[in-house]
């Protein structure tokens, strides 16, 4: 990651990072075959802390202009306020996308 960031920044380009917060096959190697399995596949246990620490380490090292998450975020959704605060303290004019909330669970349950 460091080599890529260095090349991008040297060329005066913006640098962004992608993270899949909702799927991590190193925590849950089971094949996802159905939509119901997909909705329930966001790892729990130690994974929310692991994911947050990993992304914050990337933010501290590389200060990405954009932080793109996909497939929801593990753990309590209200913890995102603190997480985003830490990101914006590092990158004042940073941008995050809108795929952090676990809205798929609501869609599947029919409450959307």
PDB file of N, CA and C in Angstrom:
ATOM      1  N   UNK A   1       0.836  -1.185   0.000  1.00  0.00           N
ATOM      2  CA  UNK A   1       0.000   0.000   0.000  1.00  0.00           C
ATOM      3  C   UNK A   1       0.881   1.250   0.000  1.00  0.00           C
ATOM      4  N   UNK A   2       1.960   1.192   0.747  1.00  0.00           N
ATOM      5  CA  UNK A   2       2.839   2.347   0.846  1.00  0.00           C
ATOM      6  C   UNK A   2       3.438   2.761  -0.486  1.00  0.00           C
ATOM      7  N   UNK A   3       3.861   1.772  -1.283  1.00  0.00           N
ATOM      8  CA  UNK A   3       4.450   2.082  -2.596  1.00  0.00           C
ATOM      9  C   UNK A   3       3.417   2.728  -3.519  1.00  0.00           C
ATOM     10  N   UNK A   4       2.206   2.195  -3.512  1.00  0.00           N
ATOM     11  CA  UNK A   4       1.141   2.756  -4.343  1.00  0.00           C
ATOM     12  C   UNK A   4       0.817   4.189  -3.910  1.00  0.00           C
ATOM     13  N   UNK A   5       0.665   4.411  -2.616  1.00  0.00           N
ATOM     14  CA  UNK A   5       0.372   5.756  -2.106  1.00  0.00           C
ATOM     15  C   UNK A   5       1.468   6.737  -2.512  1.00  0.00           C
ATOM     16  N   UNK A   6       2.714   6.322  -2.403  1.00  0.00           N
ATOM     17  CA  UNK A   6       3.834   7.207  -2.736  1.00  0.00           C
ATOM     18  C   UNK A   6       3.800   7.613  -4.207  1.00  0.00           C
ATOM     19  N   UNK A   7       3.545   6.665  -5.090  1.00  0.00           N
ATOM     20  CA  UNK A   7       3.499   6.954  -6.532  1.00  0.00           C
ATOM     21  C   UNK A   7       2.341   7.892  -6.859  1.00  0.00           C
ATOM     22  N   UNK A   8       1.174   7.607  -6.295  1.00  0.00           N
ATOM     23  CA  UNK A   8       0.000   8.443  -6.562  1.00  0.00           C
ATOM     24  C   UNK A   8       0.240   9.866  -6.070  1.00  0.00           C
ATOM     25  N   UNK A   9       0.725  10.015  -4.846  1.00  0.00           N
ATOM     26  CA  UNK A   9       0.930  11.350  -4.280  1.00  0.00           C
ATOM     27  C   UNK A   9       2.064  12.095  -4.985  1.00  0.00           C
ATOM     28  N   UNK A  10       3.086  11.370  -5.434  1.00  0.00           N
ATOM     29  CA  UNK A  10       4.197  11.989  -6.160  1.00  0.00           C
ATOM     30  C   UNK A  10       3.708  12.611  -7.464  1.00  0.00           C
ATOM     31  N   UNK A  11       2.687  12.006  -8.038  1.00  0.00           N
ATOM     32  CA  UNK A  11       2.133  12.499  -9.307  1.00  0.00           C
ATOM     33  C   UNK A  11       1.025  13.518  -9.076  1.00  0.00           C
ATOM     34  N   UNK A  12       0.915  13.979  -7.846  1.00  0.00           N
ATOM     35  CA  UNK A  12      -0.052  15.013  -7.466  1.00  0.00           C
ATOM     36  C   UNK A  12      -1.496  14.605  -7.765  1.00  0.00           C
ATOM     37  N   UNK A  13      -1.766  13.322  -7.524  1.00  0.00           N
ATOM     38  CA  UNK A  13      -3.118  12.798  -7.705  1.00  0.00           C
ATOM     39  C   UNK A  13      -3.744  12.576  -6.334  1.00  0.00           C
ATOM     40  N   UNK A  14      -5.031  12.400  -6.296  1.00  0.00           N
ATOM     41  CA  UNK A  14      -5.719  12.078  -5.049  1.00  0.00           C
ATOM     42  C   UNK A  14      -5.627  10.574  -4.816  1.00  0.00           C
ATOM     43  N   UNK A  15      -5.548  10.213  -3.544  1.00  0.00           N
ATOM     44  CA  UNK A  15      -5.380   8.810  -3.168  1.00  0.00           C
ATOM     45  C   UNK A  15      -6.574   8.354  -2.339  1.00  0.00           C
ATOM     46  N   UNK A  16      -7.152   7.244  -2.704  1.00  0.00           N
ATOM     47  CA  UNK A  16      -8.292   6.715  -1.962  1.00  0.00           C
ATOM     48  C   UNK A  16      -8.090   5.262  -1.598  1.00  0.00           C
ATOM     49  N   UNK A  17      -8.811   4.829  -0.573  1.00  0.00           N
ATOM     50  CA  UNK A  17      -8.750   3.439  -0.130  1.00  0.00           C
ATOM     51  C   UNK A  17     -10.137   2.807  -0.152  1.00  0.00           C
ATOM     52  N   UNK A  18     -10.187   1.534  -0.513  1.00  0.00           N
ATOM     53  CA  UNK A  18     -11.410   0.743  -0.504  1.00  0.00           C
ATOM     54  C   UNK A  18     -11.293  -0.298   0.602  1.00  0.00           C
ATOM     55  N   UNK A  19     -12.389  -0.523   1.327  1.00  0.00           N
ATOM     56  CA  UNK A  19     -12.412  -1.547   2.371  1.00  0.00           C
ATOM     57  C   UNK A  19     -13.760  -2.241   2.335  1.00  0.00           C
ATOM     58  N   UNK A  20     -13.745  -3.542   2.423  1.00  0.00           N
ATOM     59  CA  UNK A  20     -14.992  -4.306   2.479  1.00  0.00           C
ATOM     60  C   UNK A  20     -15.264  -4.660   3.935  1.00  0.00           C
ATOM     61  N   UNK A  21     -16.017  -3.809   4.607  1.00  0.00           N
ATOM     62  CA  UNK A  21     -16.272  -4.005   6.025  1.00  0.00           C
ATOM     63  C   UNK A  21     -17.226  -5.131   6.330  1.00  0.00           C
ATOM     64  N   UNK A  22     -18.041  -5.516   5.369  1.00  0.00           N
ATOM     65  CA  UNK A  22     -19.058  -6.523   5.627  1.00  0.00           C
ATOM     66  C   UNK A  22     -18.672  -7.943   5.284  1.00  0.00           C
ATOM     67  N   UNK A  23     -17.641  -8.122   4.501  1.00  0.00           N
ATOM     68  CA  UNK A  23     -17.195  -9.466   4.148  1.00  0.00           C
ATOM     69  C   UNK A  23     -15.694  -9.571   4.382  1.00  0.00           C
ATOM     70  N   UNK A  24     -15.302 -10.581   5.108  1.00  0.00           N
ATOM     71  CA  UNK A  24     -13.884 -10.843   5.328  1.00  0.00           C
ATOM     72  C   UNK A  24     -13.729 -12.349   5.457  1.00  0.00           C
ATOM     73  N   UNK A  25     -13.274 -12.984   4.383  1.00  0.00           N
ATOM     74  CA  UNK A  25     -13.202 -14.435   4.372  1.00  0.00           C
ATOM     75  C   UNK A  25     -12.116 -14.978   5.286  1.00  0.00           C
ATOM     76  N   UNK A  26     -11.241 -14.147   5.809  1.00  0.00           N
ATOM     77  CA  UNK A  26     -10.277 -14.646   6.791  1.00  0.00           C
ATOM     78  C   UNK A  26     -10.962 -14.846   8.145  1.00  0.00           C
ATOM     79  N   UNK A  27     -12.116 -14.210   8.358  1.00  0.00           N
ATOM     80  CA  UNK A  27     -12.880 -14.394   9.593  1.00  0.00           C
ATOM     81  C   UNK A  27     -14.011 -15.400   9.406  1.00  0.00           C
ATOM     82  N   UNK A  28     -14.554 -15.496   8.208  1.00  0.00           N
ATOM     83  CA  UNK A  28     -15.649 -16.423   7.936  1.00  0.00           C
ATOM     84  C   UNK A  28     -15.468 -16.965   6.518  1.00  0.00           C
ATOM     85  N   UNK A  29     -14.796 -18.119   6.403  1.00  0.00           N
ATOM     86  CA  UNK A  29     -14.471 -18.640   5.072  1.00  0.00           C
ATOM     87  C   UNK A  29     -15.628 -19.344   4.357  1.00  0.00           C
ATOM     88  N   UNK A  30     -16.807 -19.369   4.961  1.00  0.00           N
ATOM     89  CA  UNK A  30     -17.937 -20.066   4.359  1.00  0.00           C
ATOM     90  C   UNK A  30     -18.392 -19.357   3.077  1.00  0.00           C
ATOM     91  N   UNK A  31     -18.709 -20.154   2.084  1.00  0.00           N
ATOM     92  CA  UNK A  31     -19.220 -19.636   0.821  1.00  0.00           C
ATOM     93  C   UNK A  31     -20.621 -19.053   1.033  1.00  0.00           C
ATOM     94  N   UNK A  32     -20.849 -17.859   0.529  1.00  0.00           N
ATOM     95  CA  UNK A  32     -22.154 -17.214   0.622  1.00  0.00           C
ATOM     96  C   UNK A  32     -22.931 -17.588  -0.627  1.00  0.00           C
ATOM     97  N   UNK A  33     -24.057 -18.313  -0.452  1.00  0.00           N
ATOM     98  CA  UNK A  33     -24.807 -18.830  -1.592  1.00  0.00           C
ATOM     99  C   UNK A  33     -26.139 -18.123  -1.816  1.00  0.00           C
ATOM    100  N   UNK A  34     -26.704 -17.541  -0.768  1.00  0.00           N
ATOM    101  CA  UNK A  34     -28.024 -16.925  -0.895  1.00  0.00           C
ATOM    102  C   UNK A  34     -27.982 -15.509  -0.333  1.00  0.00           C
ATOM    103  N   UNK A  35     -29.035 -14.737  -0.653  1.00  0.00           N
ATOM    104  CA  UNK A  35     -29.123 -13.383  -0.122  1.00  0.00           C
ATOM    105  C   UNK A  35     -29.205 -13.402   1.407  1.00  0.00           C
ATOM    106  N   UNK A  36     -29.942 -14.354   1.945  1.00  0.00           N
ATOM    107  CA  UNK A  36     -30.062 -14.468   3.406  1.00  0.00           C
ATOM    108  C   UNK A  36     -28.704 -14.732   4.048  1.00  0.00           C
ATOM    109  N   UNK A  37     -27.901 -15.575   3.439  1.00  0.00           N
ATOM    110  CA  UNK A  37     -26.558 -15.837   3.963  1.00  0.00           C
ATOM    111  C   UNK A  37     -25.685 -14.590   3.841  1.00  0.00           C
ATOM    112  N   UNK A  38     -25.860 -13.860   2.755  1.00  0.00           N
ATOM    113  CA  UNK A  38     -25.107 -12.619   2.567  1.00  0.00           C
ATOM    114  C   UNK A  38     -25.428 -11.617   3.674  1.00  0.00           C
ATOM    115  N   UNK A  39     -26.706 -11.437   3.966  1.00  0.00           N
ATOM    116  CA  UNK A  39     -27.134 -10.476   4.985  1.00  0.00           C
ATOM    117  C   UNK A  39     -26.558 -10.848   6.340  1.00  0.00           C
ATOM    118  N   UNK A  40     -26.492 -12.112   6.636  1.00  0.00           N
ATOM    119  CA  UNK A  40     -25.978 -12.557   7.931  1.00  0.00           C
ATOM    120  C   UNK A  40     -24.492 -12.826   7.948  1.00  0.00           C
ATOM    121  N   UNK A  41     -23.782 -12.440   6.907  1.00  0.00           N
ATOM    122  CA  UNK A  41     -22.371 -12.802   6.796  1.00  0.00           C
ATOM    123  C   UNK A  41     -21.399 -11.782   7.374  1.00  0.00           C
ATOM    124  N   UNK A  42     -21.869 -10.642   7.871  1.00  0.00           N
ATOM    125  CA  UNK A  42     -20.957  -9.660   8.453  1.00  0.00           C
ATOM    126  C   UNK A  42     -20.358 -10.268   9.717  1.00  0.00           C
ATOM    127  N   UNK A  43     -19.042 -10.422   9.759  1.00  0.00           N
ATOM    128  CA  UNK A  43     -18.424 -11.066  10.918  1.00  0.00           C
ATOM    129  C   UNK A  43     -18.685 -10.305  12.219  1.00  0.00           C
ATOM    130  N   UNK A  44     -18.784 -11.057  13.297  1.00  0.00           N
ATOM    131  CA  UNK A  44     -18.996 -10.471  14.629  1.00  0.00           C
ATOM    132  C   UNK A  44     -17.785 -10.822  15.499  1.00  0.00           C
ATOM    133  N   UNK A  45     -17.995 -10.947  16.769  1.00  0.00           N
ATOM    134  CA  UNK A  45     -16.903 -11.298  17.681  1.00  0.00           C
ATOM    135  C   UNK A  45     -15.852 -10.216  17.730  1.00  0.00           C
ATOM    136  N   UNK A  46     -14.606 -10.566  17.462  1.00  0.00           N
ATOM    137  CA  UNK A  46     -13.486  -9.619  17.489  1.00  0.00           C
ATOM    138  C   UNK A  46     -13.352  -8.814  16.201  1.00  0.00           C
ATOM    139  N   UNK A  47     -14.137  -9.178  15.187  1.00  0.00           N
ATOM    140  CA  UNK A  47     -13.970  -8.538  13.886  1.00  0.00           C
ATOM    141  C   UNK A  47     -14.242  -7.033  13.876  1.00  0.00           C
ATOM    142  N   UNK A  48     -15.297  -6.521  14.525  1.00  0.00           N
ATOM    143  CA  UNK A  48     -15.508  -5.069  14.478  1.00  0.00           C
ATOM    144  C   UNK A  48     -14.295  -4.265  14.950  1.00  0.00           C
ATOM    145  N   UNK A  49     -13.660  -4.674  16.033  1.00  0.00           N
ATOM    146  CA  UNK A  49     -12.469  -3.969  16.528  1.00  0.00           C
ATOM    147  C   UNK A  49     -11.308  -4.125  15.539  1.00  0.00           C
ATOM    148  N   UNK A  50     -11.138  -5.334  15.018  1.00  0.00           N
ATOM    149  CA  UNK A  50     -10.088  -5.607  14.042  1.00  0.00           C
ATOM    150  C   UNK A  50     -10.239  -4.695  12.821  1.00  0.00           C
ATOM    151  N   UNK A  51     -11.450  -4.632  12.271  1.00  0.00           N
ATOM    152  CA  UNK A  51     -11.696  -3.828  11.071  1.00  0.00           C
ATOM    153  C   UNK A  51     -11.441  -2.343  11.350  1.00  0.00           C
ATOM    154  N   UNK A  52     -11.972  -1.846  12.468  1.00  0.00           N
ATOM    155  CA  UNK A  52     -11.784  -0.433  12.805  1.00  0.00           C
ATOM    156  C   UNK A  52     -10.301  -0.114  12.974  1.00  0.00           C
ATOM    157  N   UNK A  53      -9.584  -0.949  13.718  1.00  0.00           N
ATOM    158  CA  UNK A  53      -8.147  -0.712  13.935  1.00  0.00           C
ATOM    159  C   UNK A  53      -7.384  -0.754  12.623  1.00  0.00           C
ATOM    160  N   UNK A  54      -7.742  -1.684  11.744  1.00  0.00           N
ATOM    161  CA  UNK A  54      -7.047  -1.808  10.469  1.00  0.00           C
ATOM    162  C   UNK A  54      -7.264  -0.574   9.590  1.00  0.00           C
ATOM    163  N   UNK A  55      -8.502  -0.117   9.496  1.00  0.00           N
ATOM    164  CA  UNK A  55      -8.780   1.051   8.657  1.00  0.00           C
ATOM    165  C   UNK A  55      -8.147   2.306   9.256  1.00  0.00           C
ATOM    166  N   UNK A  56      -8.226   2.470  10.576  1.00  0.00           N
ATOM    167  CA  UNK A  56      -7.608   3.647  11.198  1.00  0.00           C
ATOM    168  C   UNK A  56      -6.090   3.641  11.035  1.00  0.00           C
ATOM    169  N   UNK A  57      -5.482   2.467  11.018  1.00  0.00           N
ATOM    170  CA  UNK A  57      -4.041   2.387  10.756  1.00  0.00           C
ATOM    171  C   UNK A  57      -3.742   2.866   9.334  1.00  0.00           C
ATOM    172  N   UNK A  58      -4.564   2.449   8.374  1.00  0.00           N
ATOM    173  CA  UNK A  58      -4.386   2.908   6.998  1.00  0.00           C
ATOM    174  C   UNK A  58      -4.585   4.420   6.884  1.00  0.00           C
ATOM    175  N   UNK A  59      -5.563   4.948   7.603  1.00  0.00           N
ATOM    176  CA  UNK A  59      -5.820   6.392   7.596  1.00  0.00           C
ATOM    177  C   UNK A  59      -4.626   7.143   8.173  1.00  0.00           C
ATOM    178  N   UNK A  60      -4.097   6.668   9.286  1.00  0.00           N
ATOM    179  CA  UNK A  60      -2.955   7.343   9.916  1.00  0.00           C
ATOM    180  C   UNK A  60      -1.719   7.310   9.019  1.00  0.00           C
ATOM    181  N   UNK A  61      -1.487   6.188   8.361  1.00  0.00           N
ATOM    182  CA  UNK A  61      -0.287   6.052   7.521  1.00  0.00           C
ATOM    183  C   UNK A  61      -0.389   6.824   6.215  1.00  0.00           C
ATOM    184  N   UNK A  62      -1.581   6.837   5.596  1.00  0.00           N
ATOM    185  CA  UNK A  62      -1.685   7.327   4.223  1.00  0.00           C
ATOM    186  C   UNK A  62      -2.627   8.507   4.021  1.00  0.00           C
ATOM    187  N   UNK A  63      -3.386   8.905   5.028  1.00  0.00           N
ATOM    188  CA  UNK A  63      -4.343  10.014   4.926  1.00  0.00           C
ATOM    189  C   UNK A  63      -5.075  10.017   3.580  1.00  0.00           C
ATOM    190  N   UNK A  64      -5.851   8.978   3.292  1.00  0.00           N
ATOM    191  CA  UNK A  64      -6.513   8.898   1.985  1.00  0.00           C
ATOM    192  C   UNK A  64      -7.549  10.005   1.798  1.00  0.00           C
ATOM    193  N   UNK A  65      -7.567  10.576   0.602  1.00  0.00           N
ATOM    194  CA  UNK A  65      -8.542  11.620   0.283  1.00  0.00           C
ATOM    195  C   UNK A  65      -9.965  11.075   0.317  1.00  0.00           C
ATOM    196  N   UNK A  66     -10.110   9.821  -0.081  1.00  0.00           N
ATOM    197  CA  UNK A  66     -11.432   9.191  -0.011  1.00  0.00           C
ATOM    198  C   UNK A  66     -11.301   7.842   0.689  1.00  0.00           C
ATOM    199  N   UNK A  67     -12.330   7.522   1.430  1.00  0.00           N
ATOM    200  CA  UNK A  67     -12.390   6.267   2.161  1.00  0.00           C
ATOM    201  C   UNK A  67     -13.690   5.585   1.757  1.00  0.00           C
ATOM    202  N   UNK A  68     -13.561   4.566   0.924  1.00  0.00           N
ATOM    203  CA  UNK A  68     -14.717   3.893   0.331  1.00  0.00           C
ATOM    204  C   UNK A  68     -14.913   2.557   1.029  1.00  0.00           C
ATOM    205  N   UNK A  69     -16.028   2.414   1.714  1.00  0.00           N
ATOM    206  CA  UNK A  69     -16.375   1.142   2.334  1.00  0.00           C
ATOM    207  C   UNK A  69     -17.467   0.484   1.510  1.00  0.00           C
ATOM    208  N   UNK A  70     -17.567  -0.839   1.624  1.00  0.00           N
ATOM    209  CA  UNK A  70     -18.589  -1.562   0.886  1.00  0.00           C
ATOM    210  C   UNK A  70     -19.161  -2.666   1.761  1.00  0.00           C
ATOM    211  N   UNK A  71     -20.411  -2.992   1.514  1.00  0.00           N
ATOM    212  CA  UNK A  71     -21.097  -4.122   2.130  1.00  0.00           C
ATOM    213  C   UNK A  71     -21.228  -3.930   3.642  1.00  0.00           C
ATOM    214  N   UNK A  72     -21.600  -2.778   4.072  1.00  0.00           N
ATOM    215  CA  UNK A  72     -21.882  -2.399   5.468  1.00  0.00           C
ATOM    216  C   UNK A  72     -20.626  -2.350   6.328  1.00  0.00           C
ATOM    217  N   UNK A  73     -20.832  -2.153   7.602  1.00  0.00           N
ATOM    218  CA  UNK A  73     -19.752  -2.054   8.569  1.00  0.00           C
ATOM    219  C   UNK A  73     -20.117  -2.898   9.775  1.00  0.00           C
ATOM    220  N   UNK A  74     -19.166  -3.631  10.343  1.00  0.00           N
ATOM    221  CA  UNK A  74     -19.481  -4.501  11.470  1.00  0.00           C
ATOM    222  C   UNK A  74     -19.682  -3.716  12.764  1.00  0.00           C
ATOM    223  N   UNK A  75     -20.433  -4.295  13.659  1.00  0.00           N
ATOM    224  CA  UNK A  75     -20.607  -3.684  14.975  1.00  0.00           C
ATOM    225  C   UNK A  75     -21.754  -2.696  15.015  1.00  0.00           C
ATOM    226  N   UNK A  76     -21.808  -1.945  16.089  1.00  0.00           N
ATOM    227  CA  UNK A  76     -22.887  -0.983  16.300  1.00  0.00           C
ATOM    228  C   UNK A  76     -22.735   0.187  15.336  1.00  0.00           C
ATOM    229  N   UNK A  77     -23.829   0.517  14.670  1.00  0.00           N
ATOM    230  CA  UNK A  77     -23.792   1.570  13.656  1.00  0.00           C
ATOM    231  C   UNK A  77     -23.488   2.941  14.257  1.00  0.00           C
ATOM    232  N   UNK A  78     -23.883   3.178  15.526  1.00  0.00           N
ATOM    233  CA  UNK A  78     -23.598   4.486  16.120  1.00  0.00           C
ATOM    234  C   UNK A  78     -22.108   4.674  16.397  1.00  0.00           C
ATOM    235  N   UNK A  79     -21.315   3.611  16.334  1.00  0.00           N
ATOM    236  CA  UNK A  79     -19.867   3.751  16.509  1.00  0.00           C
ATOM    237  C   UNK A  79     -19.230   4.434  15.301  1.00  0.00           C
ATOM    238  N   UNK A  80     -19.968   4.546  14.205  1.00  0.00           N
ATOM    239  CA  UNK A  80     -19.430   5.193  13.014  1.00  0.00           C
ATOM    240  C   UNK A  80     -19.159   6.672  13.232  1.00  0.00           C
ATOM    241  N   UNK A  81     -19.934   7.328  14.103  1.00  0.00           N
ATOM    242  CA  UNK A  81     -19.705   8.758  14.362  1.00  0.00           C
ATOM    243  C   UNK A  81     -18.303   8.983  14.901  1.00  0.00           C
ATOM    244  N   UNK A  82     -17.884   8.175  15.858  1.00  0.00           N
ATOM    245  CA  UNK A  82     -16.538   8.276  16.413  1.00  0.00           C
ATOM    246  C   UNK A  82     -15.497   7.930  15.351  1.00  0.00           C
ATOM    247  N   UNK A  83     -15.779   6.912  14.589  1.00  0.00           N
ATOM    248  CA  UNK A  83     -14.861   6.476  13.530  1.00  0.00           C
ATOM    249  C   UNK A  83     -14.650   7.586  12.498  1.00  0.00           C
ATOM    250  N   UNK A  84     -15.754   8.179  12.014  1.00  0.00           N
ATOM    251  CA  UNK A  84     -15.640   9.259  11.035  1.00  0.00           C
ATOM    252  C   UNK A  84     -14.943  10.478  11.633  1.00  0.00           C
ATOM    253  N   UNK A  85     -15.184  10.752  12.901  1.00  0.00           N
ATOM    254  CA  UNK A  85     -14.519  11.863  13.573  1.00  0.00           C
ATOM    255  C   UNK A  85     -13.005  11.665  13.549  1.00  0.00           C
ATOM    256  N   UNK A  86     -12.569  10.451  13.818  1.00  0.00           N
ATOM    257  CA  UNK A  86     -11.132  10.163  13.789  1.00  0.00           C
ATOM    258  C   UNK A  86     -10.575  10.323  12.371  1.00  0.00           C
ATOM    259  N   UNK A  87     -11.349   9.895  11.382  1.00  0.00           N
ATOM    260  CA  UNK A  87     -10.905  10.059   9.992  1.00  0.00           C
ATOM    261  C   UNK A  87     -10.783  11.542   9.633  1.00  0.00           C
ATOM    262  N   UNK A  88     -11.820  12.324   9.929  1.00  0.00           N
ATOM    263  CA  UNK A  88     -11.801  13.749   9.556  1.00  0.00           C
ATOM    264  C   UNK A  88     -10.789  14.554  10.364  1.00  0.00           C
ATOM    265  N   UNK A  89     -10.407  14.087  11.541  1.00  0.00           N
ATOM    266  CA  UNK A  89      -9.320  14.733  12.274  1.00  0.00           C
ATOM    267  C   UNK A  89      -7.988  14.538  11.565  1.00  0.00           C
ATOM    268  N   UNK A  90      -7.851  13.446  10.842  1.00  0.00           N
ATOM    269  CA  UNK A  90      -6.632  13.175  10.074  1.00  0.00           C
ATOM    270  C   UNK A  90      -6.674  13.814   8.681  1.00  0.00           C
ATOM    271  N   UNK A  91      -7.870  13.813   8.066  1.00  0.00           N
ATOM    272  CA  UNK A  91      -8.032  14.271   6.681  1.00  0.00           C
ATOM    273  C   UNK A  91      -9.191  15.267   6.653  1.00  0.00           C
ATOM    274  N   UNK A  92      -8.875  16.536   6.836  1.00  0.00           N
ATOM    275  CA  UNK A  92      -9.912  17.571   6.962  1.00  0.00           C
ATOM    276  C   UNK A  92     -10.888  17.608   5.794  1.00  0.00           C
ATOM    277  N   UNK A  93     -10.389  17.451   4.584  1.00  0.00           N
ATOM    278  CA  UNK A  93     -11.254  17.541   3.403  1.00  0.00           C
ATOM    279  C   UNK A  93     -11.530  16.170   2.785  1.00  0.00           C
ATOM    280  N   UNK A  94     -11.456  15.129   3.611  1.00  0.00           N
ATOM    281  CA  UNK A  94     -11.691  13.775   3.139  1.00  0.00           C
ATOM    282  C   UNK A  94     -13.147  13.538   2.765  1.00  0.00           C
ATOM    283  N   UNK A  95     -13.369  12.445   2.056  1.00  0.00           N
ATOM    284  CA  UNK A  95     -14.706  12.068   1.606  1.00  0.00           C
ATOM    285  C   UNK A  95     -14.922  10.596   1.940  1.00  0.00           C
ATOM    286  N   UNK A  96     -16.103  10.286   2.490  1.00  0.00           N
ATOM    287  CA  UNK A  96     -16.500   8.892   2.704  1.00  0.00           C
ATOM    288  C   UNK A  96     -17.760   8.630   1.882  1.00  0.00           C
ATOM    289  N   UNK A  97     -17.960   7.388   1.492  1.00  0.00           N
ATOM    290  CA  UNK A  97     -19.145   7.048   0.705  1.00  0.00           C
ATOM    291  C   UNK A  97     -20.295   6.661   1.639  1.00  0.00           C
ATOM    292  N   UNK A  98     -21.381   6.191   1.065  1.00  0.00           N
ATOM    293  CA  UNK A  98     -22.596   5.929   1.851  1.00  0.00           C
ATOM    294  C   UNK A  98     -22.891   4.444   2.047  1.00  0.00           C
ATOM    295  N   UNK A  99     -21.908   3.598   1.982  1.00  0.00           N
ATOM    296  CA  UNK A  99     -22.138   2.157   2.121  1.00  0.00           C
ATOM    297  C   UNK A  99     -21.619   1.616   3.455  1.00  0.00           C
ATOM    298  N   UNK A 100     -21.777   2.388   4.501  1.00  0.00           N
ATOM    299  CA  UNK A 100     -21.299   1.988   5.818  1.00  0.00           C
ATOM    300  C   UNK A 100     -22.395   1.354   6.664  1.00  0.00           C
ATOM    301  N   UNK A 101     -23.636   1.686   6.407  1.00  0.00           N
ATOM    302  CA  UNK A 101     -24.738   1.175   7.225  1.00  0.00           C
ATOM    303  C   UNK A 101     -25.202  -0.187   6.727  1.00  0.00           C
ATOM    304  N   UNK A 102     -25.648  -1.007   7.652  1.00  0.00           N
ATOM    305  CA  UNK A 102     -26.108  -2.348   7.297  1.00  0.00           C
ATOM    306  C   UNK A 102     -27.591  -2.313   6.953  1.00  0.00           C
ATOM    307  N   UNK A 103     -27.912  -1.664   5.847  1.00  0.00           N
ATOM    308  CA  UNK A 103     -29.303  -1.531   5.426  1.00  0.00           C
ATOM    309  C   UNK A 103     -29.830  -2.801   4.766  1.00  0.00           C
ATOM    310  N   UNK A 104     -28.944  -3.678   4.324  1.00  0.00           N
ATOM    311  CA  UNK A 104     -29.386  -4.914   3.689  1.00  0.00           C
ATOM    312  C   UNK A 104     -30.227  -5.754   4.626  1.00  0.00           C
ATOM    313  N   UNK A 105     -29.870  -5.750   5.902  1.00  0.00           N
ATOM    314  CA  UNK A 105     -30.635  -6.552   6.864  1.00  0.00           C
ATOM    315  C   UNK A 105     -32.077  -6.064   6.924  1.00  0.00           C
ATOM    316  N   UNK A 106     -32.298  -4.750   6.895  1.00  0.00           N
ATOM    317  CA  UNK A 106     -33.641  -4.204   6.914  1.00  0.00           C
ATOM    318  C   UNK A 106     -34.410  -4.546   5.639  1.00  0.00           C
ATOM    319  N   UNK A 107     -33.720  -4.488   4.503  1.00  0.00           N
ATOM    320  CA  UNK A 107     -34.363  -4.817   3.237  1.00  0.00           C
ATOM    321  C   UNK A 107     -34.809  -6.271   3.258  1.00  0.00           C
ATOM    322  N   UNK A 108     -33.933  -7.149   3.717  1.00  0.00           N
ATOM    323  CA  UNK A 108     -34.269  -8.572   3.741  1.00  0.00           C
ATOM    324  C   UNK A 108     -35.424  -8.861   4.672  1.00  0.00           C
ATOM    325  N   UNK A 109     -35.469  -8.181   5.813  1.00  0.00           N
ATOM    326  CA  UNK A 109     -36.534  -8.388   6.784  1.00  0.00           C
ATOM    327  C   UNK A 109     -37.847  -7.763   6.323  1.00  0.00           C
ATOM    328  N   UNK A 110     -37.800  -6.955   5.250  1.00  0.00           N
ATOM    329  CA  UNK A 110     -39.009  -6.362   4.717  1.00  0.00           C
ATOM    330  C   UNK A 110     -39.430  -5.085   5.423  1.00  0.00           C
ATOM    331  N   UNK A 111     -38.505  -4.458   6.152  1.00  0.00           N
ATOM    332  CA  UNK A 111     -38.878  -3.243   6.880  1.00  0.00           C
ATOM    333  C   UNK A 111     -38.441  -1.985   6.157  1.00  0.00           C
ATOM    334  N   UNK A 112     -37.880  -2.128   4.974  1.00  0.00           N
ATOM    335  CA  UNK A 112     -37.442  -0.941   4.239  1.00  0.00           C
ATOM    336  C   UNK A 112     -38.560  -0.418   3.354  1.00  0.00           C
TER     337      UNK A 112
END
